[in-house]
PDB file of N, CA and C in Angstrom:
ATOM      1  N   MET A   1     -26.629 -82.640 128.996  1.00  0.00           N
ATOM      2  CA  MET A   1     -27.217 -81.781 127.996  1.00  0.00           C
ATOM      3  C   MET A   1     -28.411 -81.064 128.599  1.00  0.00           C
ATOM      4  N   ASN A   2     -28.503 -79.780 128.412  1.00  0.00           N
ATOM      5  CA  ASN A   2     -29.593 -78.975 128.920  1.00  0.00           C
ATOM      6  C   ASN A   2     -30.578 -78.693 127.800  1.00  0.00           C
ATOM      7  N   ASP A   3     -31.830 -79.052 127.992  1.00  0.00           N
ATOM      8  CA  ASP A   3     -32.866 -78.843 126.989  1.00  0.00           C
ATOM      9  C   ASP A   3     -33.813 -77.773 127.505  1.00  0.00           C
ATOM     10  N   THR A   4     -33.745 -76.569 126.938  1.00  0.00           N
ATOM     11  CA  THR A   4     -34.562 -75.458 127.423  1.00  0.00           C
ATOM     12  C   THR A   4     -36.038 -75.652 127.123  1.00  0.00           C
ATOM     13  N   ARG A   5     -36.398 -76.600 126.226  1.00  0.00           N
ATOM     14  CA  ARG A   5     -37.807 -76.855 125.961  1.00  0.00           C
ATOM     15  C   ARG A   5     -38.502 -77.442 127.185  1.00  0.00           C
ATOM     16  N   LEU A   6     -37.759 -77.952 128.154  1.00  0.00           N
ATOM     17  CA  LEU A   6     -38.352 -78.517 129.363  1.00  0.00           C
ATOM     18  C   LEU A   6     -38.532 -77.481 130.458  1.00  0.00           C
ATOM     19  N   ASP A   7     -38.210 -76.220 130.181  1.00  0.00           N
ATOM     20  CA  ASP A   7     -38.352 -75.164 131.168  1.00  0.00           C
ATOM     21  C   ASP A   7     -39.766 -74.590 131.148  1.00  0.00           C
ATOM     22  N   PHE A   8     -40.731 -75.384 131.588  1.00  0.00           N
ATOM     23  CA  PHE A   8     -42.103 -74.933 131.696  1.00  0.00           C
ATOM     24  C   PHE A   8     -42.685 -75.492 132.976  1.00  0.00           C
ATOM     25  N   ALA A   9     -43.826 -74.968 133.398  1.00  0.00           N
ATOM     26  CA  ALA A   9     -44.388 -75.300 134.709  1.00  0.00           C
ATOM     27  C   ALA A   9     -44.723 -76.781 134.851  1.00  0.00           C
ATOM     28  N   GLU A  10     -45.247 -77.406 133.800  1.00  0.00           N
ATOM     29  CA  GLU A  10     -45.647 -78.809 133.889  1.00  0.00           C
ATOM     30  C   GLU A  10     -44.619 -79.680 133.173  1.00  0.00           C
ATOM     31  N   LYS A  11     -43.646 -80.169 133.913  1.00  0.00           N
ATOM     32  CA  LYS A  11     -42.620 -81.023 133.320  1.00  0.00           C
ATOM     33  C   LYS A  11     -43.158 -82.443 133.244  1.00  0.00           C
ATOM     34  N   ARG A  12     -42.921 -83.104 132.136  1.00  0.00           N
ATOM     35  CA  ARG A  12     -43.431 -84.451 131.923  1.00  0.00           C
ATOM     36  C   ARG A  12     -42.301 -85.449 132.040  1.00  0.00           C
ATOM     37  N   SER A  13     -42.657 -86.688 132.407  1.00  0.00           N
ATOM     38  CA  SER A  13     -41.660 -87.737 132.560  1.00  0.00           C
ATOM     39  C   SER A  13     -41.183 -88.284 131.225  1.00  0.00           C
ATOM     40  N   PHE A  14     -42.029 -88.229 130.203  1.00  0.00           N
ATOM     41  CA  PHE A  14     -41.690 -88.788 128.903  1.00  0.00           C
ATOM     42  C   PHE A  14     -41.892 -87.748 127.817  1.00  0.00           C
ATOM     43  N   ARG A  15     -41.011 -87.730 126.857  1.00  0.00           N
ATOM     44  CA  ARG A  15     -41.136 -86.808 125.736  1.00  0.00           C
ATOM     45  C   ARG A  15     -42.226 -87.271 124.787  1.00  0.00           C
ATOM     46  N   ARG A  16     -42.783 -86.336 124.078  1.00  0.00           N
ATOM     47  CA  ARG A  16     -43.830 -86.632 123.106  1.00  0.00           C
ATOM     48  C   ARG A  16     -43.240 -86.663 121.710  1.00  0.00           C
ATOM     49  N   MET A  17     -43.752 -87.593 120.912  1.00  0.00           N
ATOM     50  CA  MET A  17     -43.427 -87.620 119.487  1.00  0.00           C
ATOM     51  C   MET A  17     -44.629 -87.023 118.771  1.00  0.00           C
ATOM     52  N   TYR A  18     -44.403 -86.022 117.958  1.00  0.00           N
ATOM     53  CA  TYR A  18     -45.486 -85.394 117.216  1.00  0.00           C
ATOM     54  C   TYR A  18     -45.656 -86.139 115.899  1.00  0.00           C
ATOM     55  N   LEU A  19     -46.842 -86.746 115.714  1.00  0.00           N
ATOM     56  CA  LEU A  19     -47.066 -87.627 114.577  1.00  0.00           C
ATOM     57  C   LEU A  19     -47.934 -87.011 113.494  1.00  0.00           C
ATOM     58  N   GLY A  20     -49.132 -86.570 113.838  1.00  0.00           N
ATOM     59  CA  GLY A  20     -50.055 -86.051 112.837  1.00  0.00           C
ATOM     60  C   GLY A  20     -50.445 -87.109 111.812  1.00  0.00           C
ATOM     61  N   THR A  21     -50.715 -88.319 112.281  1.00  0.00           N
ATOM     62  CA  THR A  21     -51.025 -89.425 111.382  1.00  0.00           C
ATOM     63  C   THR A  21     -52.383 -90.038 111.709  1.00  0.00           C
ATOM     64  N   GLN A  22     -52.938 -90.762 110.765  1.00  0.00           N
ATOM     65  CA  GLN A  22     -54.252 -91.400 110.924  1.00  0.00           C
ATOM     66  C   GLN A  22     -54.247 -92.396 112.079  1.00  0.00           C
ATOM     67  N   ALA A  23     -55.365 -92.453 112.803  1.00  0.00           N
ATOM     68  CA  ALA A  23     -55.534 -93.411 113.898  1.00  0.00           C
ATOM     69  C   ALA A  23     -56.959 -93.944 113.853  1.00  0.00           C
ATOM     70  N   GLU A  24     -57.107 -95.195 114.236  1.00  0.00           N
ATOM     71  CA  GLU A  24     -58.421 -95.823 114.343  1.00  0.00           C
ATOM     72  C   GLU A  24     -58.654 -96.185 115.804  1.00  0.00           C
ATOM     73  N   MET A  25     -59.869 -95.913 116.295  1.00  0.00           N
ATOM     74  CA  MET A  25     -60.227 -96.221 117.669  1.00  0.00           C
ATOM     75  C   MET A  25     -61.428 -97.146 117.664  1.00  0.00           C
ATOM     76  N   THR A  26     -61.438 -98.104 118.584  1.00  0.00           N
ATOM     77  CA  THR A  26     -62.565 -99.017 118.741  1.00  0.00           C
ATOM     78  C   THR A  26     -62.933 -99.054 120.217  1.00  0.00           C
ATOM     79  N   ASN A  27     -64.231 -98.847 120.512  1.00  0.00           N
ATOM     80  CA  ASN A  27     -64.644 -98.900 121.905  1.00  0.00           C
ATOM     81  C   ASN A  27     -65.011-100.335 122.290  1.00  0.00           C
ATOM     82  N   LEU A  28     -65.374-100.544 123.556  1.00  0.00           N
ATOM     83  CA  LEU A  28     -65.671-101.893 124.047  1.00  0.00           C
ATOM     84  C   LEU A  28     -66.909-102.504 123.404  1.00  0.00           C
ATOM     85  N   GLN A  29     -67.760-101.667 122.810  1.00  0.00           N
ATOM     86  CA  GLN A  29     -68.951-102.167 122.123  1.00  0.00           C
ATOM     87  C   GLN A  29     -68.660-102.526 120.670  1.00  0.00           C
ATOM     88  N   GLY A  30     -67.419-102.333 120.233  1.00  0.00           N
ATOM     89  CA  GLY A  30     -67.023-102.682 118.867  1.00  0.00           C
ATOM     90  C   GLY A  30     -67.231-101.584 117.843  1.00  0.00           C
ATOM     91  N   GLN A  31     -67.658-100.385 118.271  1.00  0.00           N
ATOM     92  CA  GLN A  31     -67.831 -99.271 117.352  1.00  0.00           C
ATOM     93  C   GLN A  31     -66.469 -98.696 116.982  1.00  0.00           C
ATOM     94  N   SER A  32     -66.285 -98.370 115.704  1.00  0.00           N
ATOM     95  CA  SER A  32     -65.015 -97.821 115.224  1.00  0.00           C
ATOM     96  C   SER A  32     -65.150 -96.338 114.937  1.00  0.00           C
ATOM     97  N   PHE A  33     -64.076 -95.613 115.193  1.00  0.00           N
ATOM     98  CA  PHE A  33     -64.001 -94.180 114.981  1.00  0.00           C
ATOM     99  C   PHE A  33     -62.655 -93.856 114.357  1.00  0.00           C
ATOM    100  N   SER A  34     -62.627 -92.827 113.526  1.00  0.00           N
ATOM    101  CA  SER A  34     -61.366 -92.384 112.923  1.00  0.00           C
ATOM    102  C   SER A  34     -60.933 -91.077 113.548  1.00  0.00           C
ATOM    103  N   GLY A  35     -59.648 -90.847 113.523  1.00  0.00           N
ATOM    104  CA  GLY A  35     -59.094 -89.606 114.030  1.00  0.00           C
ATOM    105  C   GLY A  35     -57.666 -89.457 113.570  1.00  0.00           C
ATOM    106  N   ARG A  36     -56.995 -88.484 114.160  1.00  0.00           N
ATOM    107  CA  ARG A  36     -55.594 -88.238 113.847  1.00  0.00           C
ATOM    108  C   ARG A  36     -54.813 -88.194 115.152  1.00  0.00           C
ATOM    109  N   CYS A  37     -53.743 -88.959 115.224  1.00  0.00           N
ATOM    110  CA  CYS A  37     -52.886 -88.938 116.405  1.00  0.00           C
ATOM    111  C   CYS A  37     -51.977 -87.726 116.308  1.00  0.00           C
ATOM    112  N   GLU A  38     -52.172 -86.779 117.205  1.00  0.00           N
ATOM    113  CA  GLU A  38     -51.355 -85.562 117.216  1.00  0.00           C
ATOM    114  C   GLU A  38     -49.989 -85.827 117.833  1.00  0.00           C
ATOM    115  N   ASN A  39     -49.987 -86.529 118.986  1.00  0.00           N
ATOM    116  CA  ASN A  39     -48.712 -86.851 119.613  1.00  0.00           C
ATOM    117  C   ASN A  39     -48.836 -88.120 120.431  1.00  0.00           C
ATOM    118  N   LEU A  40     -47.681 -88.716 120.698  1.00  0.00           N
ATOM    119  CA  LEU A  40     -47.597 -90.005 121.374  1.00  0.00           C
ATOM    120  C   LEU A  40     -46.409 -89.981 122.322  1.00  0.00           C
ATOM    121  N   SER A  41     -46.605 -90.505 123.532  1.00  0.00           N
ATOM    122  CA  SER A  41     -45.492 -90.671 124.468  1.00  0.00           C
ATOM    123  C   SER A  41     -45.547 -92.090 125.008  1.00  0.00           C
ATOM    124  N   ALA A  42     -44.676 -92.416 125.924  1.00  0.00           N
ATOM    125  CA  ALA A  42     -44.646 -93.763 126.492  1.00  0.00           C
ATOM    126  C   ALA A  42     -45.896 -94.069 127.312  1.00  0.00           C
ATOM    127  N   THR A  43     -46.563 -93.045 127.822  1.00  0.00           N
ATOM    128  CA  THR A  43     -47.704 -93.289 128.705  1.00  0.00           C
ATOM    129  C   THR A  43     -49.027 -92.744 128.189  1.00  0.00           C
ATOM    130  N   GLY A  44     -49.047 -92.084 127.046  1.00  0.00           N
ATOM    131  CA  GLY A  44     -50.305 -91.533 126.563  1.00  0.00           C
ATOM    132  C   GLY A  44     -50.217 -90.993 125.157  1.00  0.00           C
ATOM    133  N   LEU A  45     -51.364 -90.533 124.668  1.00  0.00           N
ATOM    134  CA  LEU A  45     -51.415 -89.929 123.346  1.00  0.00           C
ATOM    135  C   LEU A  45     -52.555 -88.929 123.278  1.00  0.00           C
ATOM    136  N   LEU A  46     -52.477 -88.035 122.303  1.00  0.00           N
ATOM    137  CA  LEU A  46     -53.498 -87.036 122.059  1.00  0.00           C
ATOM    138  C   LEU A  46     -54.053 -87.272 120.666  1.00  0.00           C
ATOM    139  N   LEU A  47     -55.378 -87.434 120.585  1.00  0.00           N
ATOM    140  CA  LEU A  47     -56.042 -87.650 119.309  1.00  0.00           C
ATOM    141  C   LEU A  47     -56.925 -86.465 118.968  1.00  0.00           C
ATOM    142  N   ASP A  48     -57.037 -86.165 117.687  1.00  0.00           N
ATOM    143  CA  ASP A  48     -57.986 -85.203 117.164  1.00  0.00           C
ATOM    144  C   ASP A  48     -59.075 -86.030 116.493  1.00  0.00           C
ATOM    145  N   SER A  49     -60.329 -85.853 116.907  1.00  0.00           N
ATOM    146  CA  SER A  49     -61.412 -86.702 116.418  1.00  0.00           C
ATOM    147  C   SER A  49     -62.675 -85.883 116.214  1.00  0.00           C
ATOM    148  N   ASP A  50     -63.574 -86.381 115.362  1.00  0.00           N
ATOM    149  CA  ASP A  50     -64.879 -85.734 115.234  1.00  0.00           C
ATOM    150  C   ASP A  50     -65.875 -86.322 116.236  1.00  0.00           C
ATOM    151  N   SER A  51     -65.417 -87.274 117.063  1.00  0.00           N
ATOM    152  CA  SER A  51     -66.255 -87.905 118.090  1.00  0.00           C
ATOM    153  C   SER A  51     -65.754 -87.543 119.480  1.00  0.00           C
ATOM    154  N   SER A  52     -66.703 -87.380 120.390  1.00  0.00           N
ATOM    155  CA  SER A  52     -66.375 -87.161 121.789  1.00  0.00           C
ATOM    156  C   SER A  52     -66.441 -88.499 122.515  1.00  0.00           C
ATOM    157  N   PHE A  53     -65.665 -88.632 123.579  1.00  0.00           N
ATOM    158  CA  PHE A  53     -65.656 -89.867 124.359  1.00  0.00           C
ATOM    159  C   PHE A  53     -65.820 -89.521 125.832  1.00  0.00           C
ATOM    160  N   SER A  54     -66.364 -90.460 126.585  1.00  0.00           N
ATOM    161  CA  SER A  54     -66.571 -90.269 128.019  1.00  0.00           C
ATOM    162  C   SER A  54     -65.272 -90.482 128.790  1.00  0.00           C
ATOM    163  N   ILE A  55     -65.099 -89.730 129.855  1.00  0.00           N
ATOM    164  CA  ILE A  55     -63.946 -89.910 130.734  1.00  0.00           C
ATOM    165  C   ILE A  55     -63.982 -91.343 131.265  1.00  0.00           C
ATOM    166  N   ASP A  56     -62.834 -91.986 131.320  1.00  0.00           N
ATOM    167  CA  ASP A  56     -62.632 -93.364 131.776  1.00  0.00           C
ATOM    168  C   ASP A  56     -63.099 -94.415 130.768  1.00  0.00           C
ATOM    169  N   GLU A  57     -63.608 -94.002 129.612  1.00  0.00           N
ATOM    170  CA  GLU A  57     -63.987 -94.967 128.570  1.00  0.00           C
ATOM    171  C   GLU A  57     -62.714 -95.627 128.031  1.00  0.00           C
ATOM    172  N   GLU A  58     -62.782 -96.931 127.784  1.00  0.00           N
ATOM    173  CA  GLU A  58     -61.633 -97.644 127.233  1.00  0.00           C
ATOM    174  C   GLU A  58     -61.767 -97.772 125.723  1.00  0.00           C
ATOM    175  N   LEU A  59     -60.658 -97.553 125.045  1.00  0.00           N
ATOM    176  CA  LEU A  59     -60.590 -97.649 123.592  1.00  0.00           C
ATOM    177  C   LEU A  59     -59.364 -98.451 123.196  1.00  0.00           C
ATOM    178  N   GLN A  60     -59.465 -99.141 122.086  1.00  0.00           N
ATOM    179  CA  GLN A  60     -58.268 -99.710 121.477  1.00  0.00           C
ATOM    180  C   GLN A  60     -57.889 -98.770 120.343  1.00  0.00           C
ATOM    181  N   VAL A  61     -56.653 -98.324 120.331  1.00  0.00           N
ATOM    182  CA  VAL A  61     -56.167 -97.377 119.336  1.00  0.00           C
ATOM    183  C   VAL A  61     -55.156 -98.082 118.447  1.00  0.00           C
ATOM    184  N   SER A  62     -55.327 -97.914 117.136  1.00  0.00           N
ATOM    185  CA  SER A  62     -54.399 -98.486 116.159  1.00  0.00           C
ATOM    186  C   SER A  62     -53.870 -97.376 115.274  1.00  0.00           C
ATOM    187  N   ILE A  63     -52.552 -97.343 115.136  1.00  0.00           N
ATOM    188  CA  ILE A  63     -51.892 -96.385 114.254  1.00  0.00           C
ATOM    189  C   ILE A  63     -51.090 -97.201 113.247  1.00  0.00           C
ATOM    190  N   PRO A  64     -51.423 -97.101 111.959  1.00  0.00           N
ATOM    191  CA  PRO A  64     -50.708 -97.909 110.972  1.00  0.00           C
ATOM    192  C   PRO A  64     -49.260 -97.452 110.816  1.00  0.00           C
ATOM    193  N   SER A  65     -48.420 -98.392 110.437  1.00  0.00           N
ATOM    194  CA  SER A  65     -47.013 -98.084 110.189  1.00  0.00           C
ATOM    195  C   SER A  65     -46.860 -97.501 108.794  1.00  0.00           C
ATOM    196  N   PRO A  66     -46.018 -96.479 108.644  1.00  0.00           N
ATOM    197  CA  PRO A  66     -45.758 -95.951 107.306  1.00  0.00           C
ATOM    198  C   PRO A  66     -44.814 -96.857 106.502  1.00  0.00           C
ATOM    199  N   THR A  67     -44.224 -97.833 107.177  1.00  0.00           N
ATOM    200  CA  THR A  67     -43.271 -98.748 106.549  1.00  0.00           C
ATOM    201  C   THR A  67     -43.885-100.138 106.472  1.00  0.00           C
ATOM    202  N   PRO A  68     -44.009-100.711 105.263  1.00  0.00           N
ATOM    203  CA  PRO A  68     -44.672-102.010 105.124  1.00  0.00           C
ATOM    204  C   PRO A  68     -44.060-103.142 105.956  1.00  0.00           C
ATOM    205  N   ASN A  69     -42.767-103.126 106.204  1.00  0.00           N
ATOM    206  CA  ASN A  69     -42.098-104.217 106.923  1.00  0.00           C
ATOM    207  C   ASN A  69     -42.132-104.062 108.439  1.00  0.00           C
ATOM    208  N   MET A  70     -42.704-102.970 108.935  1.00  0.00           N
ATOM    209  CA  MET A  70     -42.750-102.741 110.376  1.00  0.00           C
ATOM    210  C   MET A  70     -44.199-102.739 110.841  1.00  0.00           C
ATOM    211  N   PRO A  71     -44.468-103.342 112.016  1.00  0.00           N
ATOM    212  CA  PRO A  71     -45.842-103.335 112.524  1.00  0.00           C
ATOM    213  C   PRO A  71     -46.260-101.940 112.971  1.00  0.00           C
ATOM    214  N   GLY A  72     -47.555-101.691 112.963  1.00  0.00           N
ATOM    215  CA  GLY A  72     -48.080-100.438 113.464  1.00  0.00           C
ATOM    216  C   GLY A  72     -48.133-100.458 114.985  1.00  0.00           C
ATOM    217  N   TYR A  73     -48.707 -99.420 115.538  1.00  0.00           N
ATOM    218  CA  TYR A  73     -48.840 -99.282 116.984  1.00  0.00           C
ATOM    219  C   TYR A  73     -50.265 -99.621 117.358  1.00  0.00           C
ATOM    220  N   LYS A  74     -50.437-100.428 118.401  1.00  0.00           N
ATOM    221  CA  LYS A  74     -51.776-100.778 118.885  1.00  0.00           C
ATOM    222  C   LYS A  74     -51.721-100.789 120.403  1.00  0.00           C
ATOM    223  N   ALA A  75     -52.702-100.133 121.031  1.00  0.00           N
ATOM    224  CA  ALA A  75     -52.714-100.054 122.492  1.00  0.00           C
ATOM    225  C   ALA A  75     -54.142 -99.997 123.018  1.00  0.00           C
ATOM    226  N   ARG A  76     -54.301-100.490 124.229  1.00  0.00           N
ATOM    227  CA  ARG A  76     -55.538-100.350 124.988  1.00  0.00           C
ATOM    228  C   ARG A  76     -55.362 -99.098 125.835  1.00  0.00           C
ATOM    229  N   CYS A  77     -56.322 -98.180 125.740  1.00  0.00           N
ATOM    230  CA  CYS A  77     -56.180 -96.872 126.381  1.00  0.00           C
ATOM    231  C   CYS A  77     -57.430 -96.494 127.157  1.00  0.00           C
ATOM    232  N   ARG A  78     -57.263 -95.518 128.062  1.00  0.00           N
ATOM    233  CA  ARG A  78     -58.381 -94.963 128.827  1.00  0.00           C
ATOM    234  C   ARG A  78     -58.434 -93.458 128.561  1.00  0.00           C
ATOM    235  N   VAL A  79     -59.642 -92.955 128.328  1.00  0.00           N
ATOM    236  CA  VAL A  79     -59.849 -91.533 128.065  1.00  0.00           C
ATOM    237  C   VAL A  79     -59.670 -90.749 129.365  1.00  0.00           C
ATOM    238  N   ASN A  80     -58.754 -89.784 129.344  1.00  0.00           N
ATOM    239  CA  ASN A  80     -58.552 -88.883 130.487  1.00  0.00           C
ATOM    240  C   ASN A  80     -59.246 -87.542 130.283  1.00  0.00           C
ATOM    241  N   ARG A  81     -59.388 -87.144 129.010  1.00  0.00           N
ATOM    242  CA  ARG A  81     -60.094 -85.897 128.715  1.00  0.00           C
ATOM    243  C   ARG A  81     -60.581 -85.914 127.273  1.00  0.00           C
ATOM    244  N   SER A  82     -61.646 -85.157 127.026  1.00  0.00           N
ATOM    245  CA  SER A  82     -62.204 -85.014 125.687  1.00  0.00           C
ATOM    246  C   SER A  82     -62.738 -83.593 125.590  1.00  0.00           C
ATOM    247  N   ASP A  83     -61.948 -82.715 124.979  1.00  0.00           N
ATOM    248  CA  ASP A  83     -62.263 -81.286 124.935  1.00  0.00           C
ATOM    249  C   ASP A  83     -62.716 -80.878 123.545  1.00  0.00           C
ATOM    250  N   ALA A  84     -63.811 -80.115 123.478  1.00  0.00           N
ATOM    251  CA  ALA A  84     -64.310 -79.606 122.201  1.00  0.00           C
ATOM    252  C   ALA A  84     -63.387 -78.513 121.672  1.00  0.00           C
ATOM    253  N   HIS A  85     -63.095 -78.595 120.384  1.00  0.00           N
ATOM    254  CA  HIS A  85     -62.324 -77.570 119.654  1.00  0.00           C
ATOM    255  C   HIS A  85     -63.069 -77.325 118.349  1.00  0.00           C
ATOM    256  N   GLY A  86     -64.028 -76.406 118.395  1.00  0.00           N
ATOM    257  CA  GLY A  86     -64.903 -76.196 117.237  1.00  0.00           C
ATOM    258  C   GLY A  86     -65.784 -77.422 117.075  1.00  0.00           C
ATOM    259  N   SER A  87     -65.804 -77.987 115.888  1.00  0.00           N
ATOM    260  CA  SER A  87     -66.610 -79.192 115.637  1.00  0.00           C
ATOM    261  C   SER A  87     -65.815 -80.471 115.891  1.00  0.00           C
ATOM    262  N   ARG A  88     -64.585 -80.354 116.362  1.00  0.00           N
ATOM    263  CA  ARG A  88     -63.709 -81.502 116.604  1.00  0.00           C
ATOM    264  C   ARG A  88     -63.460 -81.635 118.107  1.00  0.00           C
ATOM    265  N   PHE A  89     -62.820 -82.732 118.483  1.00  0.00           N
ATOM    266  CA  PHE A  89     -62.493 -82.977 119.888  1.00  0.00           C
ATOM    267  C   PHE A  89     -61.032 -83.375 120.015  1.00  0.00           C
ATOM    268  N   HIS A  90     -60.364 -82.855 121.038  1.00  0.00           N
ATOM    269  CA  HIS A  90     -59.029 -83.316 121.415  1.00  0.00           C
ATOM    270  C   HIS A  90     -59.228 -84.320 122.537  1.00  0.00           C
ATOM    271  N   VAL A  91     -58.777 -85.543 122.299  1.00  0.00           N
ATOM    272  CA  VAL A  91     -59.003 -86.630 123.234  1.00  0.00           C
ATOM    273  C   VAL A  91     -57.662 -87.069 123.812  1.00  0.00           C
ATOM    274  N   GLY A  92     -57.488 -86.878 125.122  1.00  0.00           N
ATOM    275  CA  GLY A  92     -56.273 -87.286 125.820  1.00  0.00           C
ATOM    276  C   GLY A  92     -56.448 -88.692 126.373  1.00  0.00           C
ATOM    277  N   LEU A  93     -55.537 -89.579 126.021  1.00  0.00           N
ATOM    278  CA  LEU A  93     -55.642 -90.980 126.403  1.00  0.00           C
ATOM    279  C   LEU A  93     -54.428 -91.432 127.211  1.00  0.00           C
ATOM    280  N   GLU A  94     -54.684 -92.245 128.209  1.00  0.00           N
ATOM    281  CA  GLU A  94     -53.618 -92.906 128.970  1.00  0.00           C
ATOM    282  C   GLU A  94     -53.440 -94.309 128.396  1.00  0.00           C
ATOM    283  N   VAL A  95     -52.217 -94.682 128.103  1.00  0.00           N
ATOM    284  CA  VAL A  95     -51.943 -96.032 127.598  1.00  0.00           C
ATOM    285  C   VAL A  95     -51.971 -97.006 128.776  1.00  0.00           C
ATOM    286  N   LEU A  96     -52.879 -97.977 128.698  1.00  0.00           N
ATOM    287  CA  LEU A  96     -52.974 -99.012 129.724  1.00  0.00           C
ATOM    288  C   LEU A  96     -52.133-100.233 129.375  1.00  0.00           C
ATOM    289  N   GLN A  97     -52.094-100.555 128.081  1.00  0.00           N
ATOM    290  CA  GLN A  97     -51.337-101.730 127.633  1.00  0.00           C
ATOM    291  C   GLN A  97     -51.019-101.577 126.155  1.00  0.00           C
ATOM    292  N   VAL A  98     -49.764-101.756 125.799  1.00  0.00           N
ATOM    293  CA  VAL A  98     -49.370-101.795 124.398  1.00  0.00           C
ATOM    294  C   VAL A  98     -49.604-103.222 123.928  1.00  0.00           C
ATOM    295  N   LEU A  99     -50.325-103.368 122.825  1.00  0.00           N
ATOM    296  CA  LEU A  99     -50.700-104.689 122.325  1.00  0.00           C
ATOM    297  C   LEU A  99     -49.771-105.142 121.200  1.00  0.00           C
TER     298      LEU A  99
END
């Protein structure tokens, strides 16, 4: 099967799932932050947040399940980028460990 959506300069190893759902982040100091998970792949995710994070900062990210009988997603992640978009930030995270 040929997927023309992959015909771009930066081809990725894993497809992204576009979620647009609530996410909670906790840093190593125990501070909690809220945001929205824009997309998720096997190796990373993109969050929209009102907080900026430092490159290489570790966060635990939790995404609740929309289905009561299924567990949510929880992972230990490292910040790869945190770009300002108006008063918000797009935070690119690498998944280090799915919890």
